[in-house]
Amino acid sequence: MGFRNPPVPWSELQRRLEPGGGAPVPPEWADGGDGPAWSRKRPTFEPPSELRGPDPATVVPYAELHCHSNFSFGDG
């Protein structure tokens, strides 16, 4: 929250407070060039190819880590 927010007319405030009327309206300067930022549905995330991990079919699905410490009293 800031103190430099633009003034909001009462009609706009009422529209936002009514049930089902709070859908965001893109500002007039939003020409759609910034795509997903103004849509109500976000596309599925696809990481860049250099950040993708190995093929899921070749990954071991489970591995158990067993370690001992000074507090491992149950091992005998």
PDB file of N, CA and C in Angstrom:
ATOM      1  N   MET A   1       0.845  -1.176   0.000  1.00  0.00           N
ATOM      2  CA  MET A   1       0.000   0.000   0.000  1.00  0.00           C
ATOM      3  C   MET A   1       0.883   1.230   0.000  1.00  0.00           C
ATOM      4  N   GLY A   2       0.495   2.202  -0.760  1.00  0.00           N
ATOM      5  CA  GLY A   2       1.250   3.436  -0.815  1.00  0.00           C
ATOM      6  C   GLY A   2       0.329   4.630  -0.725  1.00  0.00           C
ATOM      7  N   PHE A   3       0.922   5.788  -0.636  1.00  0.00           N
ATOM      8  CA  PHE A   3       0.141   7.011  -0.537  1.00  0.00           C
ATOM      9  C   PHE A   3       0.050   7.728  -1.874  1.00  0.00           C
ATOM     10  N   ARG A   4       0.591   7.132  -2.929  1.00  0.00           N
ATOM     11  CA  ARG A   4       0.563   7.765  -4.244  1.00  0.00           C
ATOM     12  C   ARG A   4      -0.344   7.004  -5.197  1.00  0.00           C
ATOM     13  N   ASN A   5      -1.374   6.384  -4.684  1.00  0.00           N
ATOM     14  CA  ASN A   5      -2.320   5.653  -5.519  1.00  0.00           C
ATOM     15  C   ASN A   5      -3.231   6.630  -6.248  1.00  0.00           C
ATOM     16  N   PRO A   6      -3.665   6.269  -7.451  1.00  0.00           N
ATOM     17  CA  PRO A   6      -4.564   7.178  -8.176  1.00  0.00           C
ATOM     18  C   PRO A   6      -5.931   7.220  -7.507  1.00  0.00           C
ATOM     19  N   PRO A   7      -6.661   8.315  -7.670  1.00  0.00           N
ATOM     20  CA  PRO A   7      -8.001   8.394  -7.088  1.00  0.00           C
ATOM     21  C   PRO A   7      -8.938   7.391  -7.771  1.00  0.00           C
ATOM     22  N   VAL A   8      -9.786   6.750  -6.967  1.00  0.00           N
ATOM     23  CA  VAL A   8     -10.743   5.765  -7.480  1.00  0.00           C
ATOM     24  C   VAL A   8     -12.140   6.346  -7.314  1.00  0.00           C
ATOM     25  N   PRO A   9     -12.912   6.468  -8.393  1.00  0.00           N
ATOM     26  CA  PRO A   9     -14.270   7.001  -8.263  1.00  0.00           C
ATOM     27  C   PRO A   9     -15.163   6.042  -7.476  1.00  0.00           C
ATOM     28  N   TRP A  10     -16.209   6.580  -6.860  1.00  0.00           N
ATOM     29  CA  TRP A  10     -17.115   5.768  -6.053  1.00  0.00           C
ATOM     30  C   TRP A  10     -17.757   4.660  -6.871  1.00  0.00           C
ATOM     31  N   SER A  11     -18.073   4.925  -8.135  1.00  0.00           N
ATOM     32  CA  SER A  11     -18.698   3.891  -8.971  1.00  0.00           C
ATOM     33  C   SER A  11     -17.761   2.697  -9.150  1.00  0.00           C
ATOM     34  N   GLU A  12     -16.469   2.961  -9.303  1.00  0.00           N
ATOM     35  CA  GLU A  12     -15.492   1.876  -9.440  1.00  0.00           C
ATOM     36  C   GLU A  12     -15.347   1.118  -8.122  1.00  0.00           C
ATOM     37  N   LEU A  13     -15.331   1.827  -7.010  1.00  0.00           N
ATOM     38  CA  LEU A  13     -15.237   1.180  -5.701  1.00  0.00           C
ATOM     39  C   LEU A  13     -16.454   0.297  -5.453  1.00  0.00           C
ATOM     40  N   GLN A  14     -17.639   0.792  -5.793  1.00  0.00           N
ATOM     41  CA  GLN A  14     -18.857   0.002  -5.626  1.00  0.00           C
ATOM     42  C   GLN A  14     -18.815  -1.243  -6.509  1.00  0.00           C
ATOM     43  N   ARG A  15     -18.344  -1.104  -7.751  1.00  0.00           N
ATOM     44  CA  ARG A  15     -18.252  -2.244  -8.660  1.00  0.00           C
ATOM     45  C   ARG A  15     -17.314  -3.313  -8.104  1.00  0.00           C
ATOM     46  N   ARG A  16     -16.214  -2.895  -7.507  1.00  0.00           N
ATOM     47  CA  ARG A  16     -15.253  -3.851  -6.951  1.00  0.00           C
ATOM     48  C   ARG A  16     -15.799  -4.561  -5.717  1.00  0.00           C
ATOM     49  N   LEU A  17     -16.643  -3.874  -4.946  1.00  0.00           N
ATOM     50  CA  LEU A  17     -17.153  -4.458  -3.708  1.00  0.00           C
ATOM     51  C   LEU A  17     -18.368  -5.347  -3.919  1.00  0.00           C
ATOM     52  N   GLU A  18     -19.059  -5.210  -5.040  1.00  0.00           N
ATOM     53  CA  GLU A  18     -20.229  -6.047  -5.304  1.00  0.00           C
ATOM     54  C   GLU A  18     -19.796  -7.479  -5.590  1.00  0.00           C
ATOM     55  N   PRO A  19     -20.604  -8.463  -5.152  1.00  0.00           N
ATOM     56  CA  PRO A  19     -20.256  -9.860  -5.431  1.00  0.00           C
ATOM     57  C   PRO A  19     -20.162 -10.106  -6.933  1.00  0.00           C
ATOM     58  N   GLY A  20     -19.073 -10.702  -7.355  1.00  0.00           N
ATOM     59  CA  GLY A  20     -18.871 -10.999  -8.764  1.00  0.00           C
ATOM     60  C   GLY A  20     -18.445  -9.808  -9.595  1.00  0.00           C
ATOM     61  N   GLY A  21     -18.308  -8.658  -8.990  1.00  0.00           N
ATOM     62  CA  GLY A  21     -17.943  -7.476  -9.755  1.00  0.00           C
ATOM     63  C   GLY A  21     -16.498  -7.080  -9.595  1.00  0.00           C
ATOM     64  N   GLY A  22     -15.708  -7.907  -8.942  1.00  0.00           N
ATOM     65  CA  GLY A  22     -14.331  -7.531  -8.662  1.00  0.00           C
ATOM     66  C   GLY A  22     -13.326  -7.953  -9.700  1.00  0.00           C
ATOM     67  N   ALA A  23     -13.789  -8.345 -10.877  1.00  0.00           N
ATOM     68  CA  ALA A  23     -12.840  -8.751 -11.918  1.00  0.00           C
ATOM     69  C   ALA A  23     -11.961  -7.564 -12.284  1.00  0.00           C
ATOM     70  N   PRO A  24     -10.655  -7.775 -12.336  1.00  0.00           N
ATOM     71  CA  PRO A  24      -9.771  -6.651 -12.633  1.00  0.00           C
ATOM     72  C   PRO A  24      -9.965  -6.142 -14.056  1.00  0.00           C
ATOM     73  N   VAL A  25      -9.894  -4.849 -14.186  1.00  0.00           N
ATOM     74  CA  VAL A  25      -9.999  -4.214 -15.494  1.00  0.00           C
ATOM     75  C   VAL A  25      -8.613  -3.700 -15.843  1.00  0.00           C
ATOM     76  N   PRO A  26      -8.058  -4.124 -16.985  1.00  0.00           N
ATOM     77  CA  PRO A  26      -6.725  -3.639 -17.347  1.00  0.00           C
ATOM     78  C   PRO A  26      -6.741  -2.127 -17.546  1.00  0.00           C
ATOM     79  N   PRO A  27      -5.677  -1.466 -17.170  1.00  0.00           N
ATOM     80  CA  PRO A  27      -5.616  -0.026 -17.397  1.00  0.00           C
ATOM     81  C   PRO A  27      -5.683   0.294 -18.884  1.00  0.00           C
ATOM     82  N   GLU A  28      -6.011   1.538 -19.186  1.00  0.00           N
ATOM     83  CA  GLU A  28      -6.159   1.941 -20.583  1.00  0.00           C
ATOM     84  C   GLU A  28      -4.857   1.798 -21.359  1.00  0.00           C
ATOM     85  N   TRP A  29      -3.708   1.961 -20.676  1.00  0.00           N
ATOM     86  CA  TRP A  29      -2.432   1.900 -21.374  1.00  0.00           C
ATOM     87  C   TRP A  29      -2.001   0.466 -21.643  1.00  0.00           C
ATOM     88  N   ALA A  30      -2.714  -0.540 -21.122  1.00  0.00           N
ATOM     89  CA  ALA A  30      -2.350  -1.936 -21.359  1.00  0.00           C
ATOM     90  C   ALA A  30      -2.878  -2.350 -22.725  1.00  0.00           C
ATOM     91  N   ASP A  31      -1.996  -2.469 -23.688  1.00  0.00           N
ATOM     92  CA  ASP A  31      -2.410  -2.786 -25.051  1.00  0.00           C
ATOM     93  C   ASP A  31      -2.376  -4.277 -25.345  1.00  0.00           C
ATOM     94  N   GLY A  32      -2.105  -5.097 -24.347  1.00  0.00           N
ATOM     95  CA  GLY A  32      -2.048  -6.535 -24.561  1.00  0.00           C
ATOM     96  C   GLY A  32      -0.657  -7.019 -24.911  1.00  0.00           C
ATOM     97  N   GLY A  33       0.301  -6.134 -25.054  1.00  0.00           N
ATOM     98  CA  GLY A  33       1.654  -6.531 -25.387  1.00  0.00           C
ATOM     99  C   GLY A  33       2.335  -7.301 -24.273  1.00  0.00           C
ATOM    100  N   ASP A  34       1.820  -7.165 -23.056  1.00  0.00           N
ATOM    101  CA  ASP A  34       2.413  -7.888 -21.943  1.00  0.00           C
ATOM    102  C   ASP A  34       1.652  -9.173 -21.660  1.00  0.00           C
ATOM    103  N   GLY A  35       0.863  -9.629 -22.583  1.00  0.00           N
ATOM    104  CA  GLY A  35       0.169 -10.911 -22.624  1.00  0.00           C
ATOM    105  C   GLY A  35      -0.365 -11.472 -21.323  1.00  0.00           C
ATOM    106  N   PRO A  36       0.260 -12.524 -20.774  1.00  0.00           N
ATOM    107  CA  PRO A  36      -0.308 -13.241 -19.641  1.00  0.00           C
ATOM    108  C   PRO A  36      -0.518 -12.386 -18.395  1.00  0.00           C
ATOM    109  N   ALA A  37       0.158 -11.253 -18.301  1.00  0.00           N
ATOM    110  CA  ALA A  37      -0.001 -10.436 -17.104  1.00  0.00           C
ATOM    111  C   ALA A  37      -1.427  -9.932 -16.946  1.00  0.00           C
ATOM    112  N   TRP A  38      -2.165  -9.799 -18.053  1.00  0.00           N
ATOM    113  CA  TRP A  38      -3.519  -9.277 -17.959  1.00  0.00           C
ATOM    114  C   TRP A  38      -4.577 -10.342 -18.194  1.00  0.00           C
ATOM    115  N   SER A  39      -4.185 -11.579 -18.423  1.00  0.00           N
ATOM    116  CA  SER A  39      -5.185 -12.621 -18.610  1.00  0.00           C
ATOM    117  C   SER A  39      -5.537 -13.230 -17.263  1.00  0.00           C
ATOM    118  N   ARG A  40      -6.703 -13.856 -17.182  1.00  0.00           N
ATOM    119  CA  ARG A  40      -7.130 -14.461 -15.927  1.00  0.00           C
ATOM    120  C   ARG A  40      -6.663 -15.900 -15.811  1.00  0.00           C
ATOM    121  N   LYS A  41      -6.089 -16.455 -16.863  1.00  0.00           N
ATOM    122  CA  LYS A  41      -5.597 -17.825 -16.823  1.00  0.00           C
ATOM    123  C   LYS A  41      -4.115 -17.826 -17.154  1.00  0.00           C
ATOM    124  N   ARG A  42      -3.344 -18.406 -16.277  1.00  0.00           N
ATOM    125  CA  ARG A  42      -1.908 -18.453 -16.466  1.00  0.00           C
ATOM    126  C   ARG A  42      -1.524 -19.699 -17.256  1.00  0.00           C
ATOM    127  N   PRO A  43      -0.645 -19.568 -18.260  1.00  0.00           N
ATOM    128  CA  PRO A  43      -0.225 -20.756 -19.003  1.00  0.00           C
ATOM    129  C   PRO A  43       0.668 -21.650 -18.149  1.00  0.00           C
ATOM    130  N   THR A  44       0.792 -22.908 -18.544  1.00  0.00           N
ATOM    131  CA  THR A  44       1.634 -23.860 -17.831  1.00  0.00           C
ATOM    132  C   THR A  44       3.087 -23.410 -17.906  1.00  0.00           C
ATOM    133  N   PHE A  45       3.787 -23.508 -16.771  1.00  0.00           N
ATOM    134  CA  PHE A  45       5.183 -23.094 -16.717  1.00  0.00           C
ATOM    135  C   PHE A  45       6.059 -24.092 -17.448  1.00  0.00           C
ATOM    136  N   GLU A  46       6.905 -23.595 -18.311  1.00  0.00           N
ATOM    137  CA  GLU A  46       7.895 -24.405 -19.021  1.00  0.00           C
ATOM    138  C   GLU A  46       9.263 -23.798 -18.734  1.00  0.00           C
ATOM    139  N   PRO A  47      10.125 -24.507 -17.970  1.00  0.00           N
ATOM    140  CA  PRO A  47      11.440 -23.947 -17.678  1.00  0.00           C
ATOM    141  C   PRO A  47      12.302 -23.895 -18.937  1.00  0.00           C
ATOM    142  N   PRO A  48      13.272 -22.993 -18.966  1.00  0.00           N
ATOM    143  CA  PRO A  48      14.181 -22.944 -20.108  1.00  0.00           C
ATOM    144  C   PRO A  48      14.926 -24.271 -20.255  1.00  0.00           C
ATOM    145  N   SER A  49      15.334 -24.594 -21.474  1.00  0.00           N
ATOM    146  CA  SER A  49      15.956 -25.893 -21.737  1.00  0.00           C
ATOM    147  C   SER A  49      17.219 -26.102 -20.916  1.00  0.00           C
ATOM    148  N   GLU A  50      17.988 -25.041 -20.634  1.00  0.00           N
ATOM    149  CA  GLU A  50      19.216 -25.220 -19.850  1.00  0.00           C
ATOM    150  C   GLU A  50      18.932 -25.489 -18.373  1.00  0.00           C
ATOM    151  N   LEU A  51      17.699 -25.243 -17.914  1.00  0.00           N
ATOM    152  CA  LEU A  51      17.350 -25.488 -16.515  1.00  0.00           C
ATOM    153  C   LEU A  51      16.540 -26.761 -16.320  1.00  0.00           C
ATOM    154  N   ARG A  52      16.181 -27.425 -17.394  1.00  0.00           N
ATOM    155  CA  ARG A  52      15.403 -28.656 -17.272  1.00  0.00           C
ATOM    156  C   ARG A  52      16.283 -29.769 -16.734  1.00  0.00           C
ATOM    157  N   GLY A  53      15.711 -30.614 -15.903  1.00  0.00           N
ATOM    158  CA  GLY A  53      16.433 -31.750 -15.346  1.00  0.00           C
ATOM    159  C   GLY A  53      16.465 -32.910 -16.315  1.00  0.00           C
ATOM    160  N   PRO A  54      16.905 -34.069 -15.829  1.00  0.00           N
ATOM    161  CA  PRO A  54      16.943 -35.251 -16.686  1.00  0.00           C
ATOM    162  C   PRO A  54      15.539 -35.723 -17.039  1.00  0.00           C
ATOM    163  N   ASP A  55      15.474 -36.594 -18.016  1.00  0.00           N
ATOM    164  CA  ASP A  55      14.205 -37.166 -18.455  1.00  0.00           C
ATOM    165  C   ASP A  55      13.559 -37.907 -17.284  1.00  0.00           C
ATOM    166  N   PRO A  56      12.284 -37.631 -16.938  1.00  0.00           N
ATOM    167  CA  PRO A  56      11.639 -38.289 -15.801  1.00  0.00           C
ATOM    168  C   PRO A  56      11.617 -39.813 -15.916  1.00  0.00           C
ATOM    169  N   ALA A  57      11.675 -40.360 -17.125  1.00  0.00           N
ATOM    170  CA  ALA A  57      11.655 -41.815 -17.291  1.00  0.00           C
ATOM    171  C   ALA A  57      12.960 -42.451 -16.826  1.00  0.00           C
ATOM    172  N   THR A  58      14.061 -41.695 -16.764  1.00  0.00           N
ATOM    173  CA  THR A  58      15.353 -42.252 -16.363  1.00  0.00           C
ATOM    174  C   THR A  58      15.693 -41.960 -14.910  1.00  0.00           C
ATOM    175  N   VAL A  59      14.861 -41.244 -14.199  1.00  0.00           N
ATOM    176  CA  VAL A  59      15.135 -40.868 -12.816  1.00  0.00           C
ATOM    177  C   VAL A  59      14.639 -41.957 -11.874  1.00  0.00           C
ATOM    178  N   VAL A  60      15.444 -42.279 -10.845  1.00  0.00           N
ATOM    179  CA  VAL A  60      15.033 -43.239  -9.825  1.00  0.00           C
ATOM    180  C   VAL A  60      13.966 -42.572  -8.969  1.00  0.00           C
ATOM    181  N   PRO A  61      12.790 -43.183  -8.837  1.00  0.00           N
ATOM    182  CA  PRO A  61      11.697 -42.514  -8.143  1.00  0.00           C
ATOM    183  C   PRO A  61      11.879 -42.415  -6.625  1.00  0.00           C
ATOM    184  N   TYR A  62      12.726 -43.260  -6.014  1.00  0.00           N
ATOM    185  CA  TYR A  62      12.828 -43.253  -4.566  1.00  0.00           C
ATOM    186  C   TYR A  62      14.224 -43.689  -4.153  1.00  0.00           C
ATOM    187  N   ALA A  63      14.776 -43.037  -3.178  1.00  0.00           N
ATOM    188  CA  ALA A  63      16.063 -43.439  -2.606  1.00  0.00           C
ATOM    189  C   ALA A  63      16.000 -43.172  -1.117  1.00  0.00           C
ATOM    190  N   GLU A  64      16.485 -44.112  -0.309  1.00  0.00           N
ATOM    191  CA  GLU A  64      16.454 -43.960   1.143  1.00  0.00           C
ATOM    192  C   GLU A  64      17.835 -43.585   1.636  1.00  0.00           C
ATOM    193  N   LEU A  65      17.890 -42.595   2.487  1.00  0.00           N
ATOM    194  CA  LEU A  65      19.145 -42.156   3.067  1.00  0.00           C
ATOM    195  C   LEU A  65      19.184 -42.651   4.501  1.00  0.00           C
ATOM    196  N   HIS A  66      20.261 -43.360   4.855  1.00  0.00           N
ATOM    197  CA  HIS A  66      20.413 -43.876   6.211  1.00  0.00           C
ATOM    198  C   HIS A  66      21.705 -43.313   6.770  1.00  0.00           C
ATOM    199  N   CYS A  67      21.618 -42.679   7.910  1.00  0.00           N
ATOM    200  CA  CYS A  67      22.830 -42.125   8.512  1.00  0.00           C
ATOM    201  C   CYS A  67      22.789 -42.340  10.015  1.00  0.00           C
ATOM    202  N   HIS A  68      23.959 -42.282  10.636  1.00  0.00           N
ATOM    203  CA  HIS A  68      24.088 -42.447  12.082  1.00  0.00           C
ATOM    204  C   HIS A  68      24.586 -41.142  12.685  1.00  0.00           C
ATOM    205  N   SER A  69      24.176 -40.912  13.911  1.00  0.00           N
ATOM    206  CA  SER A  69      24.663 -39.759  14.649  1.00  0.00           C
ATOM    207  C   SER A  69      24.831 -40.175  16.102  1.00  0.00           C
ATOM    208  N   ASN A  70      25.217 -39.269  16.938  1.00  0.00           N
ATOM    209  CA  ASN A  70      25.362 -39.558  18.365  1.00  0.00           C
ATOM    210  C   ASN A  70      24.021 -39.877  19.008  1.00  0.00           C
ATOM    211  N   PHE A  71      22.939 -39.581  18.333  1.00  0.00           N
ATOM    212  CA  PHE A  71      21.617 -39.792  18.898  1.00  0.00           C
ATOM    213  C   PHE A  71      20.927 -41.018  18.316  1.00  0.00           C
ATOM    214  N   SER A  72      21.665 -41.916  17.639  1.00  0.00           N
ATOM    215  CA  SER A  72      21.086 -43.142  17.090  1.00  0.00           C
ATOM    216  C   SER A  72      21.138 -44.226  18.161  1.00  0.00           C
ATOM    217  N   PHE A  73      20.173 -44.225  19.073  1.00  0.00           N
ATOM    218  CA  PHE A  73      20.166 -45.178  20.181  1.00  0.00           C
ATOM    219  C   PHE A  73      19.511 -46.494  19.797  1.00  0.00           C
ATOM    220  N   GLY A  74      18.698 -46.521  18.767  1.00  0.00           N
ATOM    221  CA  GLY A  74      17.927 -47.710  18.435  1.00  0.00           C
ATOM    222  C   GLY A  74      18.713 -48.786  17.709  1.00  0.00           C
ATOM    223  N   ASP A  75      19.944 -48.521  17.284  1.00  0.00           N
ATOM    224  CA  ASP A  75      20.698 -49.502  16.509  1.00  0.00           C
ATOM    225  C   ASP A  75      21.392 -50.543  17.379  1.00  0.00           C
ATOM    226  N   GLY A  76      21.539 -50.330  18.664  1.00  0.00           N
ATOM    227  CA  GLY A  76      22.139 -51.311  19.560  1.00  0.00           C
ATOM    228  C   GLY A  76      23.618 -51.237  19.676  1.00  0.00           C
TER     229      GLY A  76
END
